[in-house]
Amino acid sequence: MNPLRELRKRKGITQTELGHVLHVQKSAISKYELGRATPSSDILKKLSDYFGVSINYILGAKFHKTEDQQPSTDLVNFLNQSEVIFNGITYKLNDEDRQKAITALERIFLDAKSRSPKNFSKT
C-alpha cells in the first residue's frame, strides 16, 4: 500500500479531509496515493508535520522493518498536532499540557539514555 494512503487510513480520514488540511483538491490526494503525481516540497513538509513521519517515508523510501512496526515518529512534532490519539482516545492538548508531556518525555529519555547510551543517536 502507498505510504500516504496507509498514513491517511491509519488516521481514519478521507482524501477530502486530508485535502482540506493541505488546501488541495481530493483529486490531488488521489493522484499522490496512486503515484500519478508527486507532492510539492511544501505539501511534503505539511504531510510530514501532519502525520509525524519523515518526508522519505511519505515518498516510499524502503526501510528495514517488520510488518507490524510503525514508522518512526518525532514525538515533539506528534505532540504539536492539534489532536493527539493516545490509547484510542483523542486529546486536544493546550500549550501547557503539551509542554508537560514534552518535559515528562525528556526525563524518560534522558534516564533511558543514561542506562544505555550506545543505543541512542542524534538525528
N, C-alpha and C. Protein backbone atom coordinates (compact mmCIF):
# COMPACT_ATOMS: atom_id res chain seq x y z
N MET A 1 0.86 -1.18 0.00
CA MET A 1 0.00 0.00 0.00
C MET A 1 0.89 1.24 0.00
N ASN A 2 0.48 2.26 -0.69
CA ASN A 2 1.18 3.53 -0.75
C ASN A 2 1.31 4.11 0.68
N PRO A 3 2.51 4.60 1.05
CA PRO A 3 2.70 5.12 2.41
C PRO A 3 1.72 6.23 2.78
N LEU A 4 1.43 7.13 1.85
CA LEU A 4 0.50 8.21 2.15
C LEU A 4 -0.90 7.67 2.41
N ARG A 5 -1.33 6.73 1.59
CA ARG A 5 -2.65 6.12 1.78
C ARG A 5 -2.69 5.39 3.13
N GLU A 6 -1.61 4.67 3.45
CA GLU A 6 -1.54 3.95 4.71
C GLU A 6 -1.65 4.91 5.90
N LEU A 7 -0.92 6.01 5.84
CA LEU A 7 -0.97 7.00 6.93
C LEU A 7 -2.37 7.61 7.05
N ARG A 8 -2.96 7.92 5.92
CA ARG A 8 -4.30 8.53 5.93
C ARG A 8 -5.33 7.56 6.50
N LYS A 9 -5.27 6.31 6.07
CA LYS A 9 -6.21 5.30 6.56
C LYS A 9 -6.01 5.08 8.06
N ARG A 10 -4.75 5.01 8.50
CA ARG A 10 -4.45 4.80 9.91
C ARG A 10 -5.01 5.93 10.77
N LYS A 11 -4.99 7.14 10.21
CA LYS A 11 -5.52 8.29 10.95
C LYS A 11 -7.05 8.35 10.85
N GLY A 12 -7.63 7.57 9.92
CA GLY A 12 -9.08 7.50 9.81
C GLY A 12 -9.70 8.70 9.13
N ILE A 13 -9.00 9.28 8.17
CA ILE A 13 -9.54 10.44 7.47
C ILE A 13 -9.69 10.11 5.98
N THR A 14 -10.57 10.84 5.32
CA THR A 14 -10.81 10.65 3.89
C THR A 14 -9.83 11.49 3.08
N GLN A 15 -9.79 11.22 1.78
CA GLN A 15 -8.97 12.04 0.89
C GLN A 15 -9.45 13.49 0.92
N THR A 16 -10.75 13.68 0.98
CA THR A 16 -11.32 15.03 1.03
C THR A 16 -10.85 15.76 2.28
N GLU A 17 -10.89 15.07 3.43
CA GLU A 17 -10.46 15.69 4.69
C GLU A 17 -8.98 16.05 4.65
N LEU A 18 -8.16 15.15 4.11
CA LEU A 18 -6.73 15.46 4.01
C LEU A 18 -6.52 16.62 3.04
N GLY A 19 -7.30 16.66 1.98
CA GLY A 19 -7.22 17.78 1.05
C GLY A 19 -7.50 19.11 1.73
N HIS A 20 -8.48 19.13 2.63
CA HIS A 20 -8.79 20.36 3.38
C HIS A 20 -7.61 20.78 4.25
N VAL A 21 -6.97 19.81 4.89
CA VAL A 21 -5.81 20.10 5.74
C VAL A 21 -4.69 20.74 4.91
N LEU A 22 -4.48 20.21 3.70
CA LEU A 22 -3.38 20.66 2.85
C LEU A 22 -3.76 21.79 1.90
N HIS A 23 -5.05 22.12 1.86
CA HIS A 23 -5.56 23.14 0.94
C HIS A 23 -5.35 22.72 -0.52
N VAL A 24 -5.66 21.44 -0.81
CA VAL A 24 -5.63 20.93 -2.18
C VAL A 24 -6.91 20.14 -2.42
N GLN A 25 -7.20 19.86 -3.67
CA GLN A 25 -8.38 19.10 -4.04
C GLN A 25 -8.21 17.62 -3.69
N LYS A 26 -9.33 16.93 -3.50
CA LYS A 26 -9.34 15.50 -3.27
C LYS A 26 -8.62 14.78 -4.41
N SER A 27 -8.78 15.27 -5.62
CA SER A 27 -8.15 14.63 -6.79
C SER A 27 -6.63 14.66 -6.68
N ALA A 28 -6.07 15.70 -6.06
CA ALA A 28 -4.62 15.76 -5.87
C ALA A 28 -4.18 14.67 -4.90
N ILE A 29 -4.93 14.47 -3.83
CA ILE A 29 -4.59 13.42 -2.86
C ILE A 29 -4.65 12.06 -3.56
N SER A 30 -5.67 11.85 -4.36
CA SER A 30 -5.80 10.60 -5.09
C SER A 30 -4.59 10.36 -5.99
N LYS A 31 -4.17 11.40 -6.71
CA LYS A 31 -3.01 11.28 -7.60
C LYS A 31 -1.73 10.97 -6.81
N TYR A 32 -1.57 11.59 -5.64
CA TYR A 32 -0.39 11.30 -4.80
C TYR A 32 -0.40 9.84 -4.39
N GLU A 33 -1.56 9.36 -3.95
CA GLU A 33 -1.66 7.98 -3.47
C GLU A 33 -1.48 6.96 -4.59
N LEU A 34 -1.90 7.30 -5.80
CA LEU A 34 -1.77 6.38 -6.93
C LEU A 34 -0.42 6.48 -7.62
N GLY A 35 0.41 7.45 -7.20
CA GLY A 35 1.72 7.62 -7.80
C GLY A 35 1.68 8.34 -9.14
N ARG A 36 0.58 8.99 -9.43
CA ARG A 36 0.43 9.72 -10.69
C ARG A 36 0.97 11.15 -10.60
N ALA A 37 1.22 11.60 -9.37
CA ALA A 37 1.77 12.93 -9.14
C ALA A 37 2.60 12.88 -7.86
N THR A 38 3.60 13.73 -7.79
CA THR A 38 4.42 13.85 -6.59
C THR A 38 4.10 15.17 -5.92
N PRO A 39 3.84 15.14 -4.61
CA PRO A 39 3.54 16.40 -3.91
C PRO A 39 4.72 17.37 -3.98
N SER A 40 4.41 18.67 -4.00
CA SER A 40 5.46 19.69 -3.97
C SER A 40 6.19 19.61 -2.63
N SER A 41 7.33 20.27 -2.54
CA SER A 41 8.10 20.25 -1.29
C SER A 41 7.30 20.86 -0.14
N ASP A 42 6.49 21.87 -0.44
CA ASP A 42 5.65 22.50 0.59
C ASP A 42 4.61 21.50 1.11
N ILE A 43 3.97 20.77 0.19
CA ILE A 43 2.96 19.77 0.58
C ILE A 43 3.64 18.63 1.34
N LEU A 44 4.82 18.20 0.89
CA LEU A 44 5.55 17.13 1.59
C LEU A 44 5.86 17.53 3.03
N LYS A 45 6.25 18.78 3.24
CA LYS A 45 6.54 19.27 4.60
C LYS A 45 5.27 19.25 5.44
N LYS A 46 4.17 19.69 4.87
CA LYS A 46 2.89 19.68 5.61
C LYS A 46 2.48 18.26 5.96
N LEU A 47 2.64 17.33 5.00
CA LEU A 47 2.32 15.93 5.26
C LEU A 47 3.20 15.36 6.36
N SER A 48 4.48 15.66 6.30
CA SER A 48 5.43 15.19 7.30
C SER A 48 5.04 15.68 8.69
N ASP A 49 4.72 16.95 8.79
CA ASP A 49 4.31 17.52 10.07
C ASP A 49 2.98 16.94 10.55
N TYR A 50 2.04 16.81 9.65
CA TYR A 50 0.70 16.34 9.99
C TYR A 50 0.72 14.90 10.50
N PHE A 51 1.46 14.04 9.81
CA PHE A 51 1.49 12.63 10.18
C PHE A 51 2.64 12.29 11.14
N GLY A 52 3.58 13.21 11.34
CA GLY A 52 4.69 12.96 12.26
C GLY A 52 5.67 11.92 11.74
N VAL A 53 5.89 11.90 10.43
CA VAL A 53 6.84 10.97 9.82
C VAL A 53 7.77 11.76 8.91
N SER A 54 8.84 11.11 8.46
CA SER A 54 9.79 11.79 7.58
C SER A 54 9.22 11.91 6.17
N ILE A 55 9.76 12.86 5.43
CA ILE A 55 9.39 13.01 4.03
C ILE A 55 9.78 11.76 3.25
N ASN A 56 10.93 11.17 3.58
CA ASN A 56 11.35 9.93 2.92
C ASN A 56 10.31 8.84 3.09
N TYR A 57 9.73 8.74 4.26
CA TYR A 57 8.69 7.73 4.48
C TYR A 57 7.49 7.98 3.57
N ILE A 58 7.07 9.23 3.48
CA ILE A 58 5.93 9.58 2.64
C ILE A 58 6.21 9.25 1.18
N LEU A 59 7.45 9.49 0.75
CA LEU A 59 7.81 9.23 -0.64
C LEU A 59 8.04 7.76 -0.91
N GLY A 60 7.94 6.93 0.13
CA GLY A 60 8.03 5.50 -0.08
C GLY A 60 9.42 4.92 0.02
N ALA A 61 10.33 5.64 0.68
CA ALA A 61 11.68 5.10 0.86
C ALA A 61 11.58 3.77 1.58
N LYS A 62 12.37 2.83 1.17
CA LYS A 62 12.32 1.49 1.76
C LYS A 62 13.17 1.44 3.02
N PHE A 63 12.57 0.98 4.08
CA PHE A 63 13.26 0.81 5.35
C PHE A 63 13.20 -0.64 5.74
N HIS A 64 14.19 -1.09 6.50
CA HIS A 64 14.17 -2.46 7.02
C HIS A 64 13.29 -2.45 8.26
N LYS A 65 12.10 -2.99 8.10
CA LYS A 65 11.17 -3.03 9.23
C LYS A 65 10.30 -4.26 9.09
N THR A 66 9.78 -4.69 10.21
CA THR A 66 8.87 -5.83 10.16
C THR A 66 7.48 -5.33 9.83
N GLU A 67 6.61 -6.24 9.49
CA GLU A 67 5.26 -5.90 9.04
C GLU A 67 4.47 -5.07 10.05
N ASP A 68 4.66 -5.37 11.35
CA ASP A 68 3.83 -4.69 12.35
C ASP A 68 4.50 -3.46 12.96
N GLN A 69 5.68 -3.06 12.49
CA GLN A 69 6.32 -1.86 13.01
C GLN A 69 5.68 -0.62 12.40
N GLN A 70 5.58 0.41 13.19
CA GLN A 70 5.07 1.69 12.73
C GLN A 70 6.27 2.55 12.31
N PRO A 71 6.06 3.55 11.43
CA PRO A 71 7.16 4.44 11.08
C PRO A 71 7.60 5.23 12.32
N SER A 72 8.88 5.60 12.35
CA SER A 72 9.38 6.41 13.46
C SER A 72 8.63 7.73 13.50
N THR A 73 8.39 8.21 14.70
CA THR A 73 7.66 9.45 14.88
C THR A 73 8.46 10.39 15.76
N ASP A 74 8.62 11.63 15.33
CA ASP A 74 9.22 12.65 16.15
C ASP A 74 8.15 13.05 17.17
N LEU A 75 8.37 12.74 18.44
CA LEU A 75 7.33 12.94 19.44
C LEU A 75 6.95 14.41 19.63
N VAL A 76 7.91 15.32 19.50
CA VAL A 76 7.57 16.73 19.64
C VAL A 76 6.64 17.15 18.51
N ASN A 77 6.95 16.73 17.26
CA ASN A 77 6.04 17.04 16.15
C ASN A 77 4.68 16.40 16.39
N PHE A 78 4.69 15.17 16.89
CA PHE A 78 3.44 14.47 17.19
C PHE A 78 2.62 15.26 18.21
N LEU A 79 3.25 15.70 19.27
CA LEU A 79 2.53 16.43 20.32
C LEU A 79 2.09 17.82 19.86
N ASN A 80 2.77 18.37 18.87
CA ASN A 80 2.39 19.69 18.38
C ASN A 80 1.19 19.66 17.45
N GLN A 81 0.68 18.48 17.13
CA GLN A 81 -0.53 18.38 16.33
C GLN A 81 -1.71 18.89 17.15
N SER A 82 -2.74 19.34 16.47
CA SER A 82 -3.89 19.89 17.19
C SER A 82 -4.62 18.81 17.97
N GLU A 83 -4.58 17.56 17.47
CA GLU A 83 -5.21 16.45 18.18
C GLU A 83 -4.21 15.30 18.26
N VAL A 84 -4.16 14.65 19.41
CA VAL A 84 -3.26 13.52 19.62
C VAL A 84 -4.10 12.34 20.08
N ILE A 85 -3.88 11.18 19.45
CA ILE A 85 -4.59 9.97 19.86
C ILE A 85 -3.65 9.15 20.73
N PHE A 86 -4.12 8.80 21.93
CA PHE A 86 -3.34 8.00 22.87
C PHE A 86 -4.26 6.95 23.45
N ASN A 87 -3.89 5.68 23.28
CA ASN A 87 -4.70 4.55 23.74
C ASN A 87 -6.14 4.63 23.24
N GLY A 88 -6.28 5.06 21.97
CA GLY A 88 -7.60 5.08 21.35
C GLY A 88 -8.46 6.28 21.71
N ILE A 89 -7.94 7.19 22.52
CA ILE A 89 -8.70 8.38 22.92
C ILE A 89 -8.05 9.61 22.28
N THR A 90 -8.86 10.48 21.69
CA THR A 90 -8.35 11.70 21.07
C THR A 90 -8.31 12.82 22.11
N TYR A 91 -7.14 13.45 22.21
CA TYR A 91 -6.94 14.56 23.15
C TYR A 91 -6.61 15.83 22.38
N LYS A 92 -7.13 16.93 22.83
CA LYS A 92 -6.73 18.23 22.32
C LYS A 92 -5.92 18.89 23.43
N LEU A 93 -4.60 18.92 23.25
CA LEU A 93 -3.72 19.45 24.27
C LEU A 93 -3.56 20.96 24.10
N ASN A 94 -3.63 21.70 25.23
CA ASN A 94 -3.31 23.11 25.17
C ASN A 94 -1.79 23.25 25.33
N ASP A 95 -1.27 24.45 25.21
CA ASP A 95 0.18 24.65 25.25
C ASP A 95 0.80 24.17 26.57
N GLU A 96 0.10 24.39 27.68
CA GLU A 96 0.62 23.97 28.99
C GLU A 96 0.69 22.44 29.08
N ASP A 97 -0.36 21.77 28.66
CA ASP A 97 -0.38 20.31 28.69
C ASP A 97 0.69 19.73 27.77
N ARG A 98 0.84 20.33 26.60
CA ARG A 98 1.83 19.87 25.63
C ARG A 98 3.24 19.98 26.22
N GLN A 99 3.52 21.09 26.89
CA GLN A 99 4.85 21.29 27.48
C GLN A 99 5.08 20.29 28.61
N LYS A 100 4.06 19.99 29.40
CA LYS A 100 4.20 18.99 30.46
C LYS A 100 4.54 17.63 29.87
N ALA A 101 3.88 17.27 28.77
CA ALA A 101 4.14 15.98 28.12
C ALA A 101 5.56 15.93 27.59
N ILE A 102 6.01 17.01 26.96
CA ILE A 102 7.37 17.06 26.42
C ILE A 102 8.40 16.96 27.54
N THR A 103 8.17 17.68 28.64
CA THR A 103 9.09 17.63 29.79
C THR A 103 9.16 16.21 30.37
N ALA A 104 8.00 15.57 30.51
CA ALA A 104 7.98 14.20 31.03
C ALA A 104 8.74 13.25 30.10
N LEU A 105 8.54 13.38 28.81
CA LEU A 105 9.24 12.53 27.84
C LEU A 105 10.74 12.78 27.86
N GLU A 106 11.14 14.05 27.99
CA GLU A 106 12.57 14.36 28.07
C GLU A 106 13.21 13.64 29.26
N ARG A 107 12.54 13.64 30.40
CA ARG A 107 13.05 12.95 31.59
C ARG A 107 13.17 11.45 31.36
N ILE A 108 12.15 10.87 30.75
CA ILE A 108 12.15 9.43 30.49
C ILE A 108 13.29 9.06 29.56
N PHE A 109 13.47 9.83 28.47
CA PHE A 109 14.52 9.50 27.51
C PHE A 109 15.91 9.78 28.05
N LEU A 110 16.08 10.82 28.85
CA LEU A 110 17.38 11.07 29.47
C LEU A 110 17.75 9.92 30.42
N ASP A 111 16.77 9.43 31.16
CA ASP A 111 17.01 8.31 32.06
C ASP A 111 17.39 7.06 31.26
N ALA A 112 16.65 6.79 30.20
CA ALA A 112 16.94 5.63 29.35
C ALA A 112 18.31 5.75 28.72
N LYS A 113 18.68 6.94 28.28
CA LYS A 113 19.98 7.16 27.65
C LYS A 113 21.11 6.97 28.65
N SER A 114 20.90 7.39 29.89
CA SER A 114 21.95 7.23 30.90
C SER A 114 22.21 5.75 31.22
N ARG A 115 21.17 4.90 31.06
CA ARG A 115 21.34 3.47 31.31
C ARG A 115 22.06 2.76 30.17
N SER A 116 21.84 3.19 28.94
CA SER A 116 22.49 2.53 27.81
C SER A 116 22.72 3.53 26.68
N PRO A 117 23.74 4.39 26.83
CA PRO A 117 23.98 5.47 25.86
C PRO A 117 24.30 5.00 24.45
N LYS A 118 24.82 3.78 24.29
CA LYS A 118 25.19 3.30 22.95
C LYS A 118 23.96 3.02 22.07
N ASN A 119 22.78 2.92 22.67
CA ASN A 119 21.56 2.65 21.89
C ASN A 119 20.89 3.90 21.34
N PHE A 120 21.52 5.06 21.52
CA PHE A 120 20.90 6.31 21.11
C PHE A 120 21.78 7.05 20.14
N SER A 121 21.13 7.70 19.17
CA SER A 121 21.86 8.52 18.21
C SER A 121 21.07 9.78 17.95
N LYS A 122 21.77 10.84 17.63
CA LYS A 122 21.12 12.13 17.32
C LYS A 122 20.86 12.17 15.84
N THR A 123 19.61 12.54 15.46
CA THR A 123 19.27 12.63 14.04
C THR A 123 19.12 14.06 13.61
